[in-house]
Amino acid sequence: MKAWIQTTPDFEYEVIDVYLGIKSMETLIRLEGFNDEEWEEATRFAEEVATALGIEYIGEVGEANHEVEWVDED
């Protein structure tokens, strides 16, 4: 099972969301949202979650379009 943590800006709502991606489920699970001024806190949170789960934090991915955006590293 391929899993990762990512942050994704949502400019429409001026937030940065932290997601857990699980490829086999073909979905992103929103873990937390931060206002766009809290981008450093969002990054720190994402890194801490990834470390706690033993998975990769892949950084910021795209812009939220409320659809799944896959990162394929196979």
PDB file of N, CA and C in Angstrom:
ATOM      1  N   MET A   1       0.850  -1.182   0.000  1.00  0.00           N
ATOM      2  CA  MET A   1       0.000   0.000   0.000  1.00  0.00           C
ATOM      3  C   MET A   1       0.894   1.243   0.000  1.00  0.00           C
ATOM      4  N   LYS A   2       0.748   2.071  -0.998  1.00  0.00           N
ATOM      5  CA  LYS A   2       1.486   3.326  -1.108  1.00  0.00           C
ATOM      6  C   LYS A   2       0.702   4.418  -0.398  1.00  0.00           C
ATOM      7  N   ALA A   3       1.335   5.077   0.572  1.00  0.00           N
ATOM      8  CA  ALA A   3       0.684   6.162   1.305  1.00  0.00           C
ATOM      9  C   ALA A   3       1.669   7.314   1.460  1.00  0.00           C
ATOM     10  N   TRP A   4       1.149   8.535   1.561  1.00  0.00           N
ATOM     11  CA  TRP A   4       1.963   9.720   1.708  1.00  0.00           C
ATOM     12  C   TRP A   4       1.146  10.820   2.357  1.00  0.00           C
ATOM     13  N   ILE A   5       1.842  11.855   2.780  1.00  0.00           N
ATOM     14  CA  ILE A   5       1.222  13.080   3.297  1.00  0.00           C
ATOM     15  C   ILE A   5       1.578  14.201   2.329  1.00  0.00           C
ATOM     16  N   GLN A   6       0.608  15.076   2.059  1.00  0.00           N
ATOM     17  CA  GLN A   6       0.856  16.219   1.188  1.00  0.00           C
ATOM     18  C   GLN A   6       0.113  17.434   1.711  1.00  0.00           C
ATOM     19  N   THR A   7       0.587  18.610   1.321  1.00  0.00           N
ATOM     20  CA  THR A   7      -0.157  19.840   1.558  1.00  0.00           C
ATOM     21  C   THR A   7      -0.632  20.345   0.204  1.00  0.00           C
ATOM     22  N   THR A   8      -1.816  20.949   0.203  1.00  0.00           N
ATOM     23  CA  THR A   8      -2.398  21.464  -1.033  1.00  0.00           C
ATOM     24  C   THR A   8      -3.093  22.791  -0.737  1.00  0.00           C
ATOM     25  N   PRO A   9      -2.683  23.858  -1.417  1.00  0.00           N
ATOM     26  CA  PRO A   9      -3.361  25.138  -1.208  1.00  0.00           C
ATOM     27  C   PRO A   9      -4.733  25.137  -1.869  1.00  0.00           C
ATOM     28  N   ASP A  10      -5.678  25.768  -1.213  1.00  0.00           N
ATOM     29  CA  ASP A  10      -7.012  25.953  -1.776  1.00  0.00           C
ATOM     30  C   ASP A  10      -7.249  27.458  -1.811  1.00  0.00           C
ATOM     31  N   PHE A  11      -6.913  28.075  -2.946  1.00  0.00           N
ATOM     32  CA  PHE A  11      -6.968  29.518  -3.059  1.00  0.00           C
ATOM     33  C   PHE A  11      -8.386  30.057  -2.970  1.00  0.00           C
ATOM     34  N   GLU A  12      -9.371  29.248  -3.341  1.00  0.00           N
ATOM     35  CA  GLU A  12     -10.766  29.681  -3.264  1.00  0.00           C
ATOM     36  C   GLU A  12     -11.164  30.003  -1.826  1.00  0.00           C
ATOM     37  N   TYR A  13     -10.682  29.190  -0.887  1.00  0.00           N
ATOM     38  CA  TYR A  13     -11.036  29.375   0.529  1.00  0.00           C
ATOM     39  C   TYR A  13      -9.882  29.932   1.353  1.00  0.00           C
ATOM     40  N   GLU A  14      -8.760  30.249   0.708  1.00  0.00           N
ATOM     41  CA  GLU A  14      -7.576  30.809   1.350  1.00  0.00           C
ATOM     42  C   GLU A  14      -7.090  29.941   2.507  1.00  0.00           C
ATOM     43  N   VAL A  15      -6.966  28.641   2.230  1.00  0.00           N
ATOM     44  CA  VAL A  15      -6.481  27.690   3.222  1.00  0.00           C
ATOM     45  C   VAL A  15      -5.434  26.774   2.597  1.00  0.00           C
ATOM     46  N   ILE A  16      -4.701  26.113   3.462  1.00  0.00           N
ATOM     47  CA  ILE A  16      -3.788  25.056   3.058  1.00  0.00           C
ATOM     48  C   ILE A  16      -4.253  23.801   3.772  1.00  0.00           C
ATOM     49  N   ASP A  17      -4.594  22.790   3.011  1.00  0.00           N
ATOM     50  CA  ASP A  17      -5.074  21.536   3.578  1.00  0.00           C
ATOM     51  C   ASP A  17      -3.960  20.510   3.615  1.00  0.00           C
ATOM     52  N   VAL A  18      -3.980  19.694   4.661  1.00  0.00           N
ATOM     53  CA  VAL A  18      -3.036  18.591   4.802  1.00  0.00           C
ATOM     54  C   VAL A  18      -3.819  17.307   4.542  1.00  0.00           C
ATOM     55  N   TYR A  19      -3.315  16.499   3.609  1.00  0.00           N
ATOM     56  CA  TYR A  19      -4.003  15.273   3.205  1.00  0.00           C
ATOM     57  C   TYR A  19      -3.135  14.044   3.431  1.00  0.00           C
ATOM     58  N   LEU A  20      -3.804  12.940   3.706  1.00  0.00           N
ATOM     59  CA  LEU A  20      -3.211  11.611   3.674  1.00  0.00           C
ATOM     60  C   LEU A  20      -3.664  10.989   2.368  1.00  0.00           C
ATOM     61  N   GLY A  21      -2.719  10.593   1.534  1.00  0.00           N
ATOM     62  CA  GLY A  21      -3.045   9.925   0.272  1.00  0.00           C
ATOM     63  C   GLY A  21      -2.791   8.436   0.407  1.00  0.00           C
ATOM     64  N   ILE A  22      -3.751   7.654  -0.034  1.00  0.00           N
ATOM     65  CA  ILE A  22      -3.606   6.196  -0.040  1.00  0.00           C
ATOM     66  C   ILE A  22      -3.973   5.733  -1.436  1.00  0.00           C
ATOM     67  N   LYS A  23      -2.967   5.303  -2.186  1.00  0.00           N
ATOM     68  CA  LYS A  23      -3.176   4.987  -3.597  1.00  0.00           C
ATOM     69  C   LYS A  23      -4.197   3.878  -3.811  1.00  0.00           C
ATOM     70  N   SER A  24      -4.154   2.807  -2.995  1.00  0.00           N
ATOM     71  CA  SER A  24      -5.071   1.681  -3.208  1.00  0.00           C
ATOM     72  C   SER A  24      -6.531   2.069  -2.983  1.00  0.00           C
ATOM     73  N   MET A  25      -6.772   3.136  -2.224  1.00  0.00           N
ATOM     74  CA  MET A  25      -8.138   3.595  -1.976  1.00  0.00           C
ATOM     75  C   MET A  25      -8.576   4.642  -2.994  1.00  0.00           C
ATOM     76  N   GLU A  26      -7.622   5.147  -3.788  1.00  0.00           N
ATOM     77  CA  GLU A  26      -7.875   6.185  -4.784  1.00  0.00           C
ATOM     78  C   GLU A  26      -8.610   7.378  -4.194  1.00  0.00           C
ATOM     79  N   THR A  27      -8.111   7.819  -3.041  1.00  0.00           N
ATOM     80  CA  THR A  27      -8.712   8.991  -2.409  1.00  0.00           C
ATOM     81  C   THR A  27      -7.678   9.733  -1.597  1.00  0.00           C
ATOM     82  N   LEU A  28      -7.984  10.975  -1.308  1.00  0.00           N
ATOM     83  CA  LEU A  28      -7.195  11.770  -0.380  1.00  0.00           C
ATOM     84  C   LEU A  28      -8.065  12.018   0.838  1.00  0.00           C
ATOM     85  N   ILE A  29      -7.485  11.854   2.007  1.00  0.00           N
ATOM     86  CA  ILE A  29      -8.212  12.048   3.253  1.00  0.00           C
ATOM     87  C   ILE A  29      -7.701  13.340   3.880  1.00  0.00           C
ATOM     88  N   ARG A  30      -8.590  14.315   4.031  1.00  0.00           N
ATOM     89  CA  ARG A  30      -8.197  15.609   4.606  1.00  0.00           C
ATOM     90  C   ARG A  30      -8.000  15.441   6.105  1.00  0.00           C
ATOM     91  N   LEU A  31      -6.822  15.812   6.573  1.00  0.00           N
ATOM     92  CA  LEU A  31      -6.497  15.677   7.987  1.00  0.00           C
ATOM     93  C   LEU A  31      -6.706  16.975   8.754  1.00  0.00           C
ATOM     94  N   GLU A  32      -6.352  18.093   8.141  1.00  0.00           N
ATOM     95  CA  GLU A  32      -6.394  19.374   8.843  1.00  0.00           C
ATOM     96  C   GLU A  32      -6.319  20.498   7.831  1.00  0.00           C
ATOM     97  N   GLY A  33      -6.893  21.623   8.180  1.00  0.00           N
ATOM     98  CA  GLY A  33      -6.815  22.818   7.347  1.00  0.00           C
ATOM     99  C   GLY A  33      -6.199  23.967   8.128  1.00  0.00           C
ATOM    100  N   PHE A  34      -5.423  24.776   7.451  1.00  0.00           N
ATOM    101  CA  PHE A  34      -4.770  25.939   8.050  1.00  0.00           C
ATOM    102  C   PHE A  34      -5.041  27.136   7.159  1.00  0.00           C
ATOM    103  N   ASN A  35      -5.198  28.337   7.760  1.00  0.00           N
ATOM    104  CA  ASN A  35      -5.353  29.499   6.887  1.00  0.00           C
ATOM    105  C   ASN A  35      -4.036  29.729   6.164  1.00  0.00           C
ATOM    106  N   ASP A  36      -4.093  30.402   5.032  1.00  0.00           N
ATOM    107  CA  ASP A  36      -2.914  30.509   4.175  1.00  0.00           C
ATOM    108  C   ASP A  36      -1.751  31.242   4.823  1.00  0.00           C
ATOM    109  N   GLU A  37      -1.988  32.003   5.869  1.00  0.00           N
ATOM    110  CA  GLU A  37      -0.905  32.669   6.581  1.00  0.00           C
ATOM    111  C   GLU A  37      -0.161  31.718   7.516  1.00  0.00           C
ATOM    112  N   GLU A  38      -0.736  30.550   7.758  1.00  0.00           N
ATOM    113  CA  GLU A  38      -0.139  29.558   8.645  1.00  0.00           C
ATOM    114  C   GLU A  38       0.586  28.456   7.865  1.00  0.00           C
ATOM    115  N   TRP A  39       1.147  28.806   6.708  1.00  0.00           N
ATOM    116  CA  TRP A  39       1.753  27.785   5.850  1.00  0.00           C
ATOM    117  C   TRP A  39       2.903  27.057   6.532  1.00  0.00           C
ATOM    118  N   GLU A  40       3.658  27.753   7.387  1.00  0.00           N
ATOM    119  CA  GLU A  40       4.760  27.084   8.080  1.00  0.00           C
ATOM    120  C   GLU A  40       4.230  26.057   9.081  1.00  0.00           C
ATOM    121  N   GLU A  41       3.153  26.417   9.779  1.00  0.00           N
ATOM    122  CA  GLU A  41       2.524  25.492  10.718  1.00  0.00           C
ATOM    123  C   GLU A  41       1.945  24.285   9.980  1.00  0.00           C
ATOM    124  N   ALA A  42       1.352  24.519   8.808  1.00  0.00           N
ATOM    125  CA  ALA A  42       0.795  23.422   8.010  1.00  0.00           C
ATOM    126  C   ALA A  42       1.902  22.459   7.581  1.00  0.00           C
ATOM    127  N   THR A  43       3.024  23.008   7.156  1.00  0.00           N
ATOM    128  CA  THR A  43       4.155  22.171   6.746  1.00  0.00           C
ATOM    129  C   THR A  43       4.689  21.370   7.921  1.00  0.00           C
ATOM    130  N   ARG A  44       4.841  22.021   9.067  1.00  0.00           N
ATOM    131  CA  ARG A  44       5.347  21.336  10.256  1.00  0.00           C
ATOM    132  C   ARG A  44       4.402  20.209  10.678  1.00  0.00           C
ATOM    133  N   PHE A  45       3.094  20.474  10.660  1.00  0.00           N
ATOM    134  CA  PHE A  45       2.096  19.466  11.001  1.00  0.00           C
ATOM    135  C   PHE A  45       2.201  18.272  10.048  1.00  0.00           C
ATOM    136  N   ALA A  46       2.288  18.565   8.746  1.00  0.00           N
ATOM    137  CA  ALA A  46       2.379  17.505   7.745  1.00  0.00           C
ATOM    138  C   ALA A  46       3.623  16.646   7.957  1.00  0.00           C
ATOM    139  N   GLU A  47       4.747  17.289   8.223  1.00  0.00           N
ATOM    140  CA  GLU A  47       5.989  16.553   8.462  1.00  0.00           C
ATOM    141  C   GLU A  47       5.883  15.677   9.706  1.00  0.00           C
ATOM    142  N   GLU A  48       5.272  16.200  10.773  1.00  0.00           N
ATOM    143  CA  GLU A  48       5.129  15.439  12.013  1.00  0.00           C
ATOM    144  C   GLU A  48       4.215  14.229  11.832  1.00  0.00           C
ATOM    145  N   VAL A  49       3.115  14.402  11.089  1.00  0.00           N
ATOM    146  CA  VAL A  49       2.207  13.281  10.829  1.00  0.00           C
ATOM    147  C   VAL A  49       2.924  12.210  10.010  1.00  0.00           C
ATOM    148  N   ALA A  50       3.635  12.636   8.965  1.00  0.00           N
ATOM    149  CA  ALA A  50       4.356  11.680   8.124  1.00  0.00           C
ATOM    150  C   ALA A  50       5.382  10.897   8.945  1.00  0.00           C
ATOM    151  N   THR A  51       6.113  11.585   9.797  1.00  0.00           N
ATOM    152  CA  THR A  51       7.097  10.925  10.643  1.00  0.00           C
ATOM    153  C   THR A  51       6.426   9.933  11.590  1.00  0.00           C
ATOM    154  N   ALA A  52       5.336  10.350  12.215  1.00  0.00           N
ATOM    155  CA  ALA A  52       4.625   9.482  13.155  1.00  0.00           C
ATOM    156  C   ALA A  52       4.092   8.222  12.472  1.00  0.00           C
ATOM    157  N   LEU A  53       3.670   8.355  11.218  1.00  0.00           N
ATOM    158  CA  LEU A  53       3.119   7.214  10.478  1.00  0.00           C
ATOM    159  C   LEU A  53       4.193   6.428   9.719  1.00  0.00           C
ATOM    160  N   GLY A  54       5.395   6.971   9.664  1.00  0.00           N
ATOM    161  CA  GLY A  54       6.477   6.296   8.951  1.00  0.00           C
ATOM    162  C   GLY A  54       6.304   6.321   7.440  1.00  0.00           C
ATOM    163  N   ILE A  55       5.694   7.413   6.930  1.00  0.00           N
ATOM    164  CA  ILE A  55       5.494   7.556   5.491  1.00  0.00           C
ATOM    165  C   ILE A  55       6.115   8.869   5.031  1.00  0.00           C
ATOM    166  N   GLU A  56       6.147   9.072   3.732  1.00  0.00           N
ATOM    167  CA  GLU A  56       6.808  10.236   3.155  1.00  0.00           C
ATOM    168  C   GLU A  56       5.894  11.455   3.141  1.00  0.00           C
ATOM    169  N   TYR A  57       6.460  12.615   3.472  1.00  0.00           N
ATOM    170  CA  TYR A  57       5.804  13.898   3.238  1.00  0.00           C
ATOM    171  C   TYR A  57       6.331  14.384   1.899  1.00  0.00           C
ATOM    172  N   ILE A  58       5.456  14.491   0.906  1.00  0.00           N
ATOM    173  CA  ILE A  58       5.907  14.820  -0.442  1.00  0.00           C
ATOM    174  C   ILE A  58       5.866  16.312  -0.739  1.00  0.00           C
ATOM    175  N   GLY A  59       5.437  17.118   0.230  1.00  0.00           N
ATOM    176  CA  GLY A  59       5.409  18.562   0.038  1.00  0.00           C
ATOM    177  C   GLY A  59       4.092  19.046  -0.533  1.00  0.00           C
ATOM    178  N   GLU A  60       4.145  20.232  -1.116  1.00  0.00           N
ATOM    179  CA  GLU A  60       2.948  20.846  -1.675  1.00  0.00           C
ATOM    180  C   GLU A  60       2.659  20.275  -3.051  1.00  0.00           C
ATOM    181  N   VAL A  61       1.404  19.910  -3.261  1.00  0.00           N
ATOM    182  CA  VAL A  61       0.986  19.339  -4.534  1.00  0.00           C
ATOM    183  C   VAL A  61      -0.160  20.171  -5.090  1.00  0.00           C
ATOM    184  N   GLY A  62       0.082  20.788  -6.226  1.00  0.00           N
ATOM    185  CA  GLY A  62      -0.955  21.472  -6.990  1.00  0.00           C
ATOM    186  C   GLY A  62      -1.799  22.449  -6.228  1.00  0.00           C
ATOM    187  N   GLU A  63      -2.989  22.640  -6.741  1.00  0.00           N
ATOM    188  CA  GLU A  63      -4.000  23.503  -6.145  1.00  0.00           C
ATOM    189  C   GLU A  63      -5.250  22.659  -5.979  1.00  0.00           C
ATOM    190  N   ALA A  64      -5.926  22.837  -4.864  1.00  0.00           N
ATOM    191  CA  ALA A  64      -7.126  22.049  -4.608  1.00  0.00           C
ATOM    192  C   ALA A  64      -8.158  22.306  -5.700  1.00  0.00           C
ATOM    193  N   ASN A  65      -8.599  21.221  -6.299  1.00  0.00           N
ATOM    194  CA  ASN A  65      -9.683  21.308  -7.267  1.00  0.00           C
ATOM    195  C   ASN A  65     -10.805  20.371  -6.840  1.00  0.00           C
ATOM    196  N   HIS A  66     -10.679  19.888  -5.621  1.00  0.00           N
ATOM    197  CA  HIS A  66     -11.664  19.018  -4.994  1.00  0.00           C
ATOM    198  C   HIS A  66     -11.832  17.696  -5.735  1.00  0.00           C
ATOM    199  N   GLU A  67     -10.775  17.330  -6.453  1.00  0.00           N
ATOM    200  CA  GLU A  67     -10.683  16.025  -7.097  1.00  0.00           C
ATOM    201  C   GLU A  67      -9.341  15.417  -6.712  1.00  0.00           C
ATOM    202  N   VAL A  68      -9.215  14.138  -6.853  1.00  0.00           N
ATOM    203  CA  VAL A  68      -7.972  13.444  -6.512  1.00  0.00           C
ATOM    204  C   VAL A  68      -6.882  13.809  -7.516  1.00  0.00           C
ATOM    205  N   GLU A  69      -5.705  14.164  -7.007  1.00  0.00           N
ATOM    206  CA  GLU A  69      -4.538  14.416  -7.845  1.00  0.00           C
ATOM    207  C   GLU A  69      -3.479  13.429  -7.418  1.00  0.00           C
ATOM    208  N   TRP A  70      -3.210  12.433  -8.268  1.00  0.00           N
ATOM    209  CA  TRP A  70      -2.313  11.347  -7.891  1.00  0.00           C
ATOM    210  C   TRP A  70      -0.868  11.684  -8.140  1.00  0.00           C
ATOM    211  N   VAL A  71      -0.039  11.206  -7.245  1.00  0.00           N
ATOM    212  CA  VAL A  71       1.407  11.292  -7.387  1.00  0.00           C
ATOM    213  C   VAL A  71       1.866   9.876  -7.654  1.00  0.00           C
ATOM    214  N   ASP A  72       2.354   9.627  -8.856  1.00  0.00           N
ATOM    215  CA  ASP A  72       2.741   8.267  -9.233  1.00  0.00           C
ATOM    216  C   ASP A  72       4.255   8.160  -9.249  1.00  0.00           C
ATOM    217  N   GLU A  73       4.812   7.468  -8.268  1.00  0.00           N
ATOM    218  CA  GLU A  73       6.260   7.341  -8.161  1.00  0.00           C
ATOM    219  C   GLU A  73       6.715   5.923  -8.433  1.00  0.00           C
ATOM    220  N   ASP A  74       5.905   5.133  -9.098  1.00  0.00           N
ATOM    221  CA  ASP A  74       6.262   3.728  -9.389  1.00  0.00           C
ATOM    222  C   ASP A  74       7.388   3.628 -10.370  1.00  0.00           C
TER     223      ASP A  74
END
